[in-house]
Amino acid sequence: MRITSLLYGLGLGFGLATRIPVGTFYVAATWAVLVGNPLLGALCLGVFGLGRALPLLVMSWALRGDQESFQTNQIIRNWEPAMHLINGLALGSVGSCLIVAGMVRYM
């Protein structure tokens, strides 16, 4: 089961053809393209991917069976609104910083 899940995750590739529930991915992908350095862009997306995959890998090793996985999934679903709020605040902060930086640079 774990190998199948891992292979499925690898098959999703960069996530461009999958459902992305938060906009953070698009910010990271856009930055990776705009930075103009393939190595730095790959590093950015690699760190982003690791940050998204690491908690899932830890949970998959810690959970004992299907019932425990199902219960954990229900608990995580309850936190979804809070995660969307935190993600929105983070994106708003980054956007505000970029606006201020642009105004300082070009004024």
PDB file of N, CA and C in Angstrom:
ATOM      1  N   MET A   1       0.829  -1.197   0.000  1.00  0.00           N
ATOM      2  CA  MET A   1       0.000   0.000   0.000  1.00  0.00           C
ATOM      3  C   MET A   1       0.870   1.256   0.000  1.00  0.00           C
ATOM      4  N   ARG A   2       1.913   1.258   0.801  1.00  0.00           N
ATOM      5  CA  ARG A   2       2.766   2.441   0.869  1.00  0.00           C
ATOM      6  C   ARG A   2       3.515   2.665  -0.436  1.00  0.00           C
ATOM      7  N   ILE A   3       3.964   1.585  -1.063  1.00  0.00           N
ATOM      8  CA  ILE A   3       4.680   1.721  -2.339  1.00  0.00           C
ATOM      9  C   ILE A   3       3.729   2.278  -3.392  1.00  0.00           C
ATOM     10  N   THR A   4       2.495   1.790  -3.393  1.00  0.00           N
ATOM     11  CA  THR A   4       1.511   2.291  -4.347  1.00  0.00           C
ATOM     12  C   THR A   4       1.269   3.779  -4.140  1.00  0.00           C
ATOM     13  N   SER A   5       1.152   4.180  -2.884  1.00  0.00           N
ATOM     14  CA  SER A   5       0.941   5.603  -2.586  1.00  0.00           C
ATOM     15  C   SER A   5       2.131   6.435  -3.026  1.00  0.00           C
ATOM     16  N   LEU A   6       3.338   5.924  -2.776  1.00  0.00           N
ATOM     17  CA  LEU A   6       4.541   6.642  -3.174  1.00  0.00           C
ATOM     18  C   LEU A   6       4.605   6.778  -4.693  1.00  0.00           C
ATOM     19  N   LEU A   7       4.340   5.701  -5.409  1.00  0.00           N
ATOM     20  CA  LEU A   7       4.380   5.746  -6.867  1.00  0.00           C
ATOM     21  C   LEU A   7       3.298   6.678  -7.415  1.00  0.00           C
ATOM     22  N   TYR A   8       2.124   6.676  -6.789  1.00  0.00           N
ATOM     23  CA  TYR A   8       1.063   7.593  -7.211  1.00  0.00           C
ATOM     24  C   TYR A   8       1.514   9.040  -7.019  1.00  0.00           C
ATOM     25  N   GLY A   9       2.128   9.331  -5.878  1.00  0.00           N
ATOM     26  CA  GLY A   9       2.629  10.679  -5.616  1.00  0.00           C
ATOM     27  C   GLY A   9       3.692  11.090  -6.605  1.00  0.00           C
ATOM     28  N   LEU A  10       4.583  10.164  -6.926  1.00  0.00           N
ATOM     29  CA  LEU A  10       5.614  10.467  -7.911  1.00  0.00           C
ATOM     30  C   LEU A  10       5.008  10.696  -9.290  1.00  0.00           C
ATOM     31  N   GLY A  11       3.945   9.965  -9.581  1.00  0.00           N
ATOM     32  CA  GLY A  11       3.286  10.104 -10.872  1.00  0.00           C
ATOM     33  C   GLY A  11       2.574  11.436 -11.054  1.00  0.00           C
ATOM     34  N   LEU A  12       2.276  12.112  -9.959  1.00  0.00           N
ATOM     35  CA  LEU A  12       1.601  13.401 -10.075  1.00  0.00           C
ATOM     36  C   LEU A  12       2.535  14.489 -10.584  1.00  0.00           C
ATOM     37  N   GLY A  13       3.825  14.222 -10.534  1.00  0.00           N
ATOM     38  CA  GLY A  13       4.790  15.142 -11.105  1.00  0.00           C
ATOM     39  C   GLY A  13       4.812  16.487 -10.412  1.00  0.00           C
ATOM     40  N   PHE A  14       4.811  17.538 -11.180  1.00  0.00           N
ATOM     41  CA  PHE A  14       4.924  18.887 -10.639  1.00  0.00           C
ATOM     42  C   PHE A  14       3.613  19.418 -10.081  1.00  0.00           C
ATOM     43  N   GLY A  15       2.528  18.704 -10.239  1.00  0.00           N
ATOM     44  CA  GLY A  15       1.262  19.155  -9.689  1.00  0.00           C
ATOM     45  C   GLY A  15       0.480  20.079 -10.604  1.00  0.00           C
ATOM     46  N   LEU A  16       0.934  20.265 -11.820  1.00  0.00           N
ATOM     47  CA  LEU A  16       0.239  21.178 -12.723  1.00  0.00           C
ATOM     48  C   LEU A  16      -1.067  20.600 -13.246  1.00  0.00           C
ATOM     49  N   ALA A  17      -1.208  19.287 -13.243  1.00  0.00           N
ATOM     50  CA  ALA A  17      -2.429  18.658 -13.745  1.00  0.00           C
ATOM     51  C   ALA A  17      -3.258  18.069 -12.613  1.00  0.00           C
ATOM     52  N   THR A  18      -2.999  18.475 -11.384  1.00  0.00           N
ATOM     53  CA  THR A  18      -3.738  17.952 -10.246  1.00  0.00           C
ATOM     54  C   THR A  18      -4.490  19.078  -9.550  1.00  0.00           C
ATOM     55  N   ARG A  19      -5.390  18.712  -8.679  1.00  0.00           N
ATOM     56  CA  ARG A  19      -6.137  19.704  -7.898  1.00  0.00           C
ATOM     57  C   ARG A  19      -5.203  20.259  -6.828  1.00  0.00           C
ATOM     58  N   ILE A  20      -5.010  21.550  -6.865  1.00  0.00           N
ATOM     59  CA  ILE A  20      -4.177  22.228  -5.875  1.00  0.00           C
ATOM     60  C   ILE A  20      -5.117  23.044  -4.987  1.00  0.00           C
ATOM     61  N   PRO A  21      -5.292  22.650  -3.714  1.00  0.00           N
ATOM     62  CA  PRO A  21      -6.279  23.334  -2.874  1.00  0.00           C
ATOM     63  C   PRO A  21      -5.847  24.700  -2.350  1.00  0.00           C
ATOM     64  N   VAL A  22      -4.574  25.028  -2.454  1.00  0.00           N
ATOM     65  CA  VAL A  22      -4.096  26.323  -1.971  1.00  0.00           C
ATOM     66  C   VAL A  22      -3.245  26.989  -3.046  1.00  0.00           C
ATOM     67  N   GLY A  23      -3.173  28.307  -3.009  1.00  0.00           N
ATOM     68  CA  GLY A  23      -2.447  29.056  -4.032  1.00  0.00           C
ATOM     69  C   GLY A  23      -0.947  29.132  -3.820  1.00  0.00           C
ATOM     70  N   THR A  24      -0.461  28.606  -2.723  1.00  0.00           N
ATOM     71  CA  THR A  24       0.964  28.704  -2.424  1.00  0.00           C
ATOM     72  C   THR A  24       1.817  28.032  -3.491  1.00  0.00           C
ATOM     73  N   PHE A  25       1.340  26.934  -4.037  1.00  0.00           N
ATOM     74  CA  PHE A  25       2.102  26.235  -5.076  1.00  0.00           C
ATOM     75  C   PHE A  25       2.357  27.145  -6.264  1.00  0.00           C
ATOM     76  N   TYR A  26       1.339  27.878  -6.672  1.00  0.00           N
ATOM     77  CA  TYR A  26       1.490  28.728  -7.847  1.00  0.00           C
ATOM     78  C   TYR A  26       2.451  29.880  -7.587  1.00  0.00           C
ATOM     79  N   VAL A  27       2.487  30.362  -6.363  1.00  0.00           N
ATOM     80  CA  VAL A  27       3.458  31.392  -6.009  1.00  0.00           C
ATOM     81  C   VAL A  27       4.869  30.824  -6.109  1.00  0.00           C
ATOM     82  N   ALA A  28       5.087  29.635  -5.552  1.00  0.00           N
ATOM     83  CA  ALA A  28       6.417  29.012  -5.609  1.00  0.00           C
ATOM     84  C   ALA A  28       6.812  28.695  -7.049  1.00  0.00           C
ATOM     85  N   ALA A  29       5.880  28.171  -7.840  1.00  0.00           N
ATOM     86  CA  ALA A  29       6.187  27.838  -9.237  1.00  0.00           C
ATOM     87  C   ALA A  29       6.478  29.090 -10.057  1.00  0.00           C
ATOM     88  N   THR A  30       5.701  30.143  -9.845  1.00  0.00           N
ATOM     89  CA  THR A  30       5.939  31.392 -10.558  1.00  0.00           C
ATOM     90  C   THR A  30       7.285  31.988 -10.183  1.00  0.00           C
ATOM     91  N   TRP A  31       7.603  31.973  -8.902  1.00  0.00           N
ATOM     92  CA  TRP A  31       8.894  32.500  -8.464  1.00  0.00           C
ATOM     93  C   TRP A  31      10.032  31.690  -9.082  1.00  0.00           C
ATOM     94  N   ALA A  32       9.869  30.355  -9.136  1.00  0.00           N
ATOM     95  CA  ALA A  32      10.908  29.511  -9.708  1.00  0.00           C
ATOM     96  C   ALA A  32      11.164  29.852 -11.178  1.00  0.00           C
ATOM     97  N   VAL A  33      10.119  30.227 -11.896  1.00  0.00           N
ATOM     98  CA  VAL A  33      10.283  30.608 -13.301  1.00  0.00           C
ATOM     99  C   VAL A  33      10.882  32.009 -13.411  1.00  0.00           C
ATOM    100  N   LEU A  34      10.375  32.943 -12.604  1.00  0.00           N
ATOM    101  CA  LEU A  34      10.815  34.335 -12.714  1.00  0.00           C
ATOM    102  C   LEU A  34      12.235  34.580 -12.212  1.00  0.00           C
ATOM    103  N   VAL A  35      12.726  33.710 -11.347  1.00  0.00           N
ATOM    104  CA  VAL A  35      14.072  33.930 -10.808  1.00  0.00           C
ATOM    105  C   VAL A  35      15.126  33.817 -11.916  1.00  0.00           C
ATOM    106  N   GLY A  36      14.821  33.064 -12.970  1.00  0.00           N
ATOM    107  CA  GLY A  36      15.717  32.995 -14.123  1.00  0.00           C
ATOM    108  C   GLY A  36      16.929  32.093 -13.934  1.00  0.00           C
ATOM    109  N   ASN A  37      16.974  31.360 -12.844  1.00  0.00           N
ATOM    110  CA  ASN A  37      18.081  30.455 -12.580  1.00  0.00           C
ATOM    111  C   ASN A  37      17.499  29.059 -12.372  1.00  0.00           C
ATOM    112  N   PRO A  38      17.726  28.132 -13.316  1.00  0.00           N
ATOM    113  CA  PRO A  38      17.115  26.809 -13.197  1.00  0.00           C
ATOM    114  C   PRO A  38      17.492  26.075 -11.911  1.00  0.00           C
ATOM    115  N   LEU A  39      18.721  26.208 -11.475  1.00  0.00           N
ATOM    116  CA  LEU A  39      19.146  25.524 -10.261  1.00  0.00           C
ATOM    117  C   LEU A  39      18.423  26.083  -9.040  1.00  0.00           C
ATOM    118  N   LEU A  40      18.342  27.403  -8.942  1.00  0.00           N
ATOM    119  CA  LEU A  40      17.650  28.034  -7.821  1.00  0.00           C
ATOM    120  C   LEU A  40      16.147  27.749  -7.877  1.00  0.00           C
ATOM    121  N   GLY A  41      15.582  27.734  -9.070  1.00  0.00           N
ATOM    122  CA  GLY A  41      14.168  27.398  -9.228  1.00  0.00           C
ATOM    123  C   GLY A  41      13.876  25.967  -8.804  1.00  0.00           C
ATOM    124  N   ALA A  42      14.744  25.043  -9.203  1.00  0.00           N
ATOM    125  CA  ALA A  42      14.581  23.647  -8.805  1.00  0.00           C
ATOM    126  C   ALA A  42      14.726  23.492  -7.293  1.00  0.00           C
ATOM    127  N   LEU A  43      15.650  24.229  -6.717  1.00  0.00           N
ATOM    128  CA  LEU A  43      15.838  24.190  -5.267  1.00  0.00           C
ATOM    129  C   LEU A  43      14.583  24.705  -4.559  1.00  0.00           C
ATOM    130  N   CYS A  44      14.018  25.792  -5.060  1.00  0.00           N
ATOM    131  CA  CYS A  44      12.798  26.359  -4.479  1.00  0.00           C
ATOM    132  C   CYS A  44      11.658  25.346  -4.511  1.00  0.00           C
ATOM    133  N   LEU A  45      11.402  24.759  -5.666  1.00  0.00           N
ATOM    134  CA  LEU A  45      10.315  23.791  -5.772  1.00  0.00           C
ATOM    135  C   LEU A  45      10.622  22.512  -5.012  1.00  0.00           C
ATOM    136  N   GLY A  46      11.893  22.149  -4.939  1.00  0.00           N
ATOM    137  CA  GLY A  46      12.279  20.971  -4.156  1.00  0.00           C
ATOM    138  C   GLY A  46      11.998  21.165  -2.675  1.00  0.00           C
ATOM    139  N   VAL A  47      12.349  22.324  -2.151  1.00  0.00           N
ATOM    140  CA  VAL A  47      12.083  22.627  -0.741  1.00  0.00           C
ATOM    141  C   VAL A  47      10.572  22.706  -0.500  1.00  0.00           C
ATOM    142  N   PHE A  48       9.854  23.323  -1.424  1.00  0.00           N
ATOM    143  CA  PHE A  48       8.400  23.405  -1.309  1.00  0.00           C
ATOM    144  C   PHE A  48       7.795  21.995  -1.287  1.00  0.00           C
ATOM    145  N   GLY A  49       8.227  21.146  -2.205  1.00  0.00           N
ATOM    146  CA  GLY A  49       7.723  19.772  -2.263  1.00  0.00           C
ATOM    147  C   GLY A  49       8.075  18.974  -1.018  1.00  0.00           C
ATOM    148  N   LEU A  50       9.281  19.157  -0.525  1.00  0.00           N
ATOM    149  CA  LEU A  50       9.695  18.464   0.693  1.00  0.00           C
ATOM    150  C   LEU A  50       8.836  18.910   1.873  1.00  0.00           C
ATOM    151  N   GLY A  51       8.569  20.201   1.940  1.00  0.00           N
ATOM    152  CA  GLY A  51       7.727  20.715   3.013  1.00  0.00           C
ATOM    153  C   GLY A  51       6.312  20.166   2.966  1.00  0.00           C
ATOM    154  N   ARG A  52       5.822  19.879   1.781  1.00  0.00           N
ATOM    155  CA  ARG A  52       4.482  19.299   1.657  1.00  0.00           C
ATOM    156  C   ARG A  52       4.495  17.795   1.862  1.00  0.00           C
ATOM    157  N   ALA A  53       5.574  17.118   1.453  1.00  0.00           N
ATOM    158  CA  ALA A  53       5.603  15.653   1.519  1.00  0.00           C
ATOM    159  C   ALA A  53       6.068  15.111   2.871  1.00  0.00           C
ATOM    160  N   LEU A  54       6.948  15.819   3.532  1.00  0.00           N
ATOM    161  CA  LEU A  54       7.525  15.313   4.773  1.00  0.00           C
ATOM    162  C   LEU A  54       6.476  14.978   5.836  1.00  0.00           C
ATOM    163  N   PRO A  55       5.498  15.862   6.103  1.00  0.00           N
ATOM    164  CA  PRO A  55       4.486  15.484   7.101  1.00  0.00           C
ATOM    165  C   PRO A  55       3.701  14.234   6.702  1.00  0.00           C
ATOM    166  N   LEU A  56       3.427  14.079   5.414  1.00  0.00           N
ATOM    167  CA  LEU A  56       2.696  12.897   4.960  1.00  0.00           C
ATOM    168  C   LEU A  56       3.526  11.629   5.123  1.00  0.00           C
ATOM    169  N   LEU A  57       4.806  11.714   4.827  1.00  0.00           N
ATOM    170  CA  LEU A  57       5.671  10.546   5.004  1.00  0.00           C
ATOM    171  C   LEU A  57       5.779  10.151   6.474  1.00  0.00           C
ATOM    172  N   VAL A  58       5.919  11.131   7.342  1.00  0.00           N
ATOM    173  CA  VAL A  58       5.997  10.844   8.777  1.00  0.00           C
ATOM    174  C   VAL A  58       4.708  10.196   9.256  1.00  0.00           C
ATOM    175  N   MET A  59       3.563  10.730   8.810  1.00  0.00           N
ATOM    176  CA  MET A  59       2.286  10.136   9.214  1.00  0.00           C
ATOM    177  C   MET A  59       2.125   8.728   8.664  1.00  0.00           C
ATOM    178  N   SER A  60       2.564   8.483   7.446  1.00  0.00           N
ATOM    179  CA  SER A  60       2.399   7.148   6.869  1.00  0.00           C
ATOM    180  C   SER A  60       3.229   6.116   7.614  1.00  0.00           C
ATOM    181  N   TRP A  61       4.381   6.522   8.115  1.00  0.00           N
ATOM    182  CA  TRP A  61       5.193   5.588   8.899  1.00  0.00           C
ATOM    183  C   TRP A  61       4.639   5.402  10.310  1.00  0.00           C
ATOM    184  N   ALA A  62       3.980   6.421  10.853  1.00  0.00           N
ATOM    185  CA  ALA A  62       3.485   6.370  12.223  1.00  0.00           C
ATOM    186  C   ALA A  62       2.145   5.647  12.342  1.00  0.00           C
ATOM    187  N   LEU A  63       1.318   5.692  11.314  1.00  0.00           N
ATOM    188  CA  LEU A  63      -0.012   5.093  11.392  1.00  0.00           C
ATOM    189  C   LEU A  63       0.074   3.582  11.240  1.00  0.00           C
ATOM    190  N   ARG A  64      -0.734   2.886  12.014  1.00  0.00           N
ATOM    191  CA  ARG A  64      -0.663   1.420  12.067  1.00  0.00           C
ATOM    192  C   ARG A  64      -1.551   0.720  11.045  1.00  0.00           C
ATOM    193  N   GLY A  65      -2.708   1.250  10.765  1.00  0.00           N
ATOM    194  CA  GLY A  65      -3.611   0.537   9.865  1.00  0.00           C
ATOM    195  C   GLY A  65      -4.589   1.475   9.197  1.00  0.00           C
ATOM    196  N   ASP A  66      -5.520   0.867   8.443  1.00  0.00           N
ATOM    197  CA  ASP A  66      -6.490   1.651   7.689  1.00  0.00           C
ATOM    198  C   ASP A  66      -7.425   2.437   8.600  1.00  0.00           C
ATOM    199  N   GLN A  67      -7.863   1.835   9.704  1.00  0.00           N
ATOM    200  CA  GLN A  67      -8.787   2.526  10.609  1.00  0.00           C
ATOM    201  C   GLN A  67      -8.112   3.747  11.229  1.00  0.00           C
ATOM    202  N   GLU A  68      -6.868   3.592  11.655  1.00  0.00           N
ATOM    203  CA  GLU A  68      -6.126   4.721  12.226  1.00  0.00           C
ATOM    204  C   GLU A  68      -5.893   5.803  11.173  1.00  0.00           C
ATOM    205  N   SER A  69      -5.633   5.397   9.945  1.00  0.00           N
ATOM    206  CA  SER A  69      -5.465   6.359   8.847  1.00  0.00           C
ATOM    207  C   SER A  69      -6.757   7.129   8.604  1.00  0.00           C
ATOM    208  N   PHE A  70      -7.876   6.421   8.619  1.00  0.00           N
ATOM    209  CA  PHE A  70      -9.170   7.066   8.404  1.00  0.00           C
ATOM    210  C   PHE A  70      -9.457   8.081   9.508  1.00  0.00           C
ATOM    211  N   GLN A  71      -9.197   7.717  10.757  1.00  0.00           N
ATOM    212  CA  GLN A  71      -9.436   8.639  11.875  1.00  0.00           C
ATOM    213  C   GLN A  71      -8.540   9.870  11.770  1.00  0.00           C
ATOM    214  N   THR A  72      -7.286   9.665  11.408  1.00  0.00           N
ATOM    215  CA  THR A  72      -6.359  10.782  11.259  1.00  0.00           C
ATOM    216  C   THR A  72      -6.809  11.703  10.126  1.00  0.00           C
ATOM    217  N   ASN A  73      -7.291  11.114   9.040  1.00  0.00           N
ATOM    218  CA  ASN A  73      -7.797  11.904   7.920  1.00  0.00           C
ATOM    219  C   ASN A  73      -8.970  12.777   8.361  1.00  0.00           C
ATOM    220  N   GLN A  74      -9.848  12.244   9.188  1.00  0.00           N
ATOM    221  CA  GLN A  74     -10.985  13.029   9.677  1.00  0.00           C
ATOM    222  C   GLN A  74     -10.515  14.190  10.552  1.00  0.00           C
ATOM    223  N   ILE A  75      -9.509  13.949  11.377  1.00  0.00           N
ATOM    224  CA  ILE A  75      -8.967  15.003  12.236  1.00  0.00           C
ATOM    225  C   ILE A  75      -8.343  16.103  11.376  1.00  0.00           C
ATOM    226  N   ILE A  76      -7.583  15.703  10.370  1.00  0.00           N
ATOM    227  CA  ILE A  76      -6.933  16.674   9.484  1.00  0.00           C
ATOM    228  C   ILE A  76      -7.983  17.494   8.739  1.00  0.00           C
ATOM    229  N   ARG A  77      -9.051  16.859   8.297  1.00  0.00           N
ATOM    230  CA  ARG A  77     -10.122  17.578   7.586  1.00  0.00           C
ATOM    231  C   ARG A  77     -10.730  18.669   8.462  1.00  0.00           C
ATOM    232  N   ASN A  78     -10.814  18.421   9.760  1.00  0.00           N
ATOM    233  CA  ASN A  78     -11.362  19.433  10.672  1.00  0.00           C
ATOM    234  C   ASN A  78     -10.480  20.676  10.734  1.00  0.00           C
ATOM    235  N   TRP A  79      -9.201  20.519  10.451  1.00  0.00           N
ATOM    236  CA  TRP A  79      -8.259  21.642  10.494  1.00  0.00           C
ATOM    237  C   TRP A  79      -8.154  22.378   9.162  1.00  0.00           C
ATOM    238  N   GLU A  80      -8.831  21.907   8.141  1.00  0.00           N
ATOM    239  CA  GLU A  80      -8.710  22.495   6.809  1.00  0.00           C
ATOM    240  C   GLU A  80      -9.051  23.987   6.764  1.00  0.00           C
ATOM    241  N   PRO A  81     -10.140  24.450   7.397  1.00  0.00           N
ATOM    242  CA  PRO A  81     -10.418  25.898   7.368  1.00  0.00           C
ATOM    243  C   PRO A  81      -9.297  26.729   8.000  1.00  0.00           C
ATOM    244  N   ALA A  82      -8.732  26.235   9.090  1.00  0.00           N
ATOM    245  CA  ALA A  82      -7.635  26.971   9.738  1.00  0.00           C
ATOM    246  C   ALA A  82      -6.413  27.026   8.824  1.00  0.00           C
ATOM    247  N   MET A  83      -6.130  25.946   8.126  1.00  0.00           N
ATOM    248  CA  MET A  83      -4.975  25.929   7.222  1.00  0.00           C
ATOM    249  C   MET A  83      -5.192  26.880   6.044  1.00  0.00           C
ATOM    250  N   HIS A  84      -6.426  26.968   5.556  1.00  0.00           N
ATOM    251  CA  HIS A  84      -6.711  27.917   4.475  1.00  0.00           C
ATOM    252  C   HIS A  84      -6.537  29.354   4.966  1.00  0.00           C
ATOM    253  N   LEU A  85      -6.944  29.613   6.196  1.00  0.00           N
ATOM    254  CA  LEU A  85      -6.767  30.945   6.770  1.00  0.00           C
ATOM    255  C   LEU A  85      -5.287  31.286   6.906  1.00  0.00           C
ATOM    256  N   ILE A  86      -4.513  30.355   7.444  1.00  0.00           N
ATOM    257  CA  ILE A  86      -3.070  30.579   7.601  1.00  0.00           C
ATOM    258  C   ILE A  86      -2.403  30.774   6.246  1.00  0.00           C
ATOM    259  N   ASN A  87      -2.792  29.965   5.268  1.00  0.00           N
ATOM    260  CA  ASN A  87      -2.238  30.091   3.922  1.00  0.00           C
ATOM    261  C   ASN A  87      -2.587  31.455   3.325  1.00  0.00           C
ATOM    262  N   GLY A  88      -3.824  31.894   3.499  1.00  0.00           N
ATOM    263  CA  GLY A  88      -4.236  33.202   2.993  1.00  0.00           C
ATOM    264  C   GLY A  88      -3.469  34.334   3.650  1.00  0.00           C
ATOM    265  N   LEU A  89      -3.266  34.234   4.969  1.00  0.00           N
ATOM    266  CA  LEU A  89      -2.487  35.257   5.665  1.00  0.00           C
ATOM    267  C   LEU A  89      -1.036  35.284   5.179  1.00  0.00           C
ATOM    268  N   ALA A  90      -0.466  34.098   4.954  1.00  0.00           N
ATOM    269  CA  ALA A  90       0.913  34.038   4.454  1.00  0.00           C
ATOM    270  C   ALA A  90       1.010  34.648   3.057  1.00  0.00           C
ATOM    271  N   LEU A  91       0.066  34.321   2.185  1.00  0.00           N
ATOM    272  CA  LEU A  91       0.081  34.884   0.838  1.00  0.00           C
ATOM    273  C   LEU A  91      -0.138  36.391   0.867  1.00  0.00           C
ATOM    274  N   GLY A  92      -1.029  36.843   1.743  1.00  0.00           N
ATOM    275  CA  GLY A  92      -1.255  38.283   1.878  1.00  0.00           C
ATOM    276  C   GLY A  92      -0.011  39.012   2.374  1.00  0.00           C
ATOM    277  N   SER A  93       0.700  38.388   3.302  1.00  0.00           N
ATOM    278  CA  SER A  93       1.940  38.987   3.819  1.00  0.00           C
ATOM    279  C   SER A  93       2.999  39.082   2.736  1.00  0.00           C
ATOM    280  N   VAL A  94       3.164  38.001   1.990  1.00  0.00           N
ATOM    281  CA  VAL A  94       4.154  38.007   0.909  1.00  0.00           C
ATOM    282  C   VAL A  94       3.774  39.040  -0.141  1.00  0.00           C
ATOM    283  N   GLY A  95       2.492  39.103  -0.493  1.00  0.00           N
ATOM    284  CA  GLY A  95       2.041  40.091  -1.467  1.00  0.00           C
ATOM    285  C   GLY A  95       2.287  41.517  -0.996  1.00  0.00           C
ATOM    286  N   SER A  96       2.001  41.771   0.276  1.00  0.00           N
ATOM    287  CA  SER A  96       2.246  43.111   0.829  1.00  0.00           C
ATOM    288  C   SER A  96       3.727  43.458   0.793  1.00  0.00           C
ATOM    289  N   CYS A  97       4.565  42.506   1.149  1.00  0.00           N
ATOM    290  CA  CYS A  97       6.022  42.739   1.103  1.00  0.00           C
ATOM    291  C   CYS A  97       6.487  43.042  -0.316  1.00  0.00           C
ATOM    292  N   LEU A  98       5.947  42.318  -1.300  1.00  0.00           N
ATOM    293  CA  LEU A  98       6.337  42.552  -2.684  1.00  0.00           C
ATOM    294  C   LEU A  98       5.874  43.924  -3.167  1.00  0.00           C
ATOM    295  N   ILE A  99       4.687  44.332  -2.765  1.00  0.00           N
ATOM    296  CA  ILE A  99       4.195  45.652  -3.158  1.00  0.00           C
ATOM    297  C   ILE A  99       5.072  46.746  -2.561  1.00  0.00           C
ATOM    298  N   VAL A 100       5.374  46.620  -1.267  1.00  0.00           N
ATOM    299  CA  VAL A 100       6.232  47.614  -0.610  1.00  0.00           C
ATOM    300  C   VAL A 100       7.621  47.634  -1.236  1.00  0.00           C
ATOM    301  N   ALA A 101       8.182  46.464  -1.499  1.00  0.00           N
ATOM    302  CA  ALA A 101       9.514  46.398  -2.122  1.00  0.00           C
ATOM    303  C   ALA A 101       9.503  47.025  -3.500  1.00  0.00           C
ATOM    304  N   GLY A 102       8.441  46.794  -4.265  1.00  0.00           N
ATOM    305  CA  GLY A 102       8.345  47.404  -5.585  1.00  0.00           C
ATOM    306  C   GLY A 102       8.210  48.912  -5.524  1.00  0.00           C
ATOM    307  N   MET A 103       7.444  49.389  -4.539  1.00  0.00           N
ATOM    308  CA  MET A 103       7.277  50.838  -4.394  1.00  0.00           C
ATOM    309  C   MET A 103       8.582  51.497  -3.955  1.00  0.00           C
ATOM    310  N   VAL A 104       9.311  50.861  -3.064  1.00  0.00           N
ATOM    311  CA  VAL A 104      10.586  51.423  -2.592  1.00  0.00           C
ATOM    312  C   VAL A 104      11.591  51.451  -3.720  1.00  0.00           C
ATOM    313  N   ARG A 105      11.607  50.405  -4.515  1.00  0.00           N
ATOM    314  CA  ARG A 105      12.608  50.317  -5.598  1.00  0.00           C
ATOM    315  C   ARG A 105      12.346  51.332  -6.699  1.00  0.00           C
ATOM    316  N   TYR A 106      11.097  51.547  -7.041  1.00  0.00           N
ATOM    317  CA  TYR A 106      10.783  52.382  -8.193  1.00  0.00           C
ATOM    318  C   TYR A 106      10.282  53.784  -7.837  1.00  0.00           C
ATOM    319  N   MET A 107      10.372  54.188  -6.604  1.00  0.00           N
ATOM    320  CA  MET A 107       9.946  55.547  -6.238  1.00  0.00           C
ATOM    321  C   MET A 107      11.138  56.447  -6.067  1.00  0.00           C
TER     322      MET A 107
END
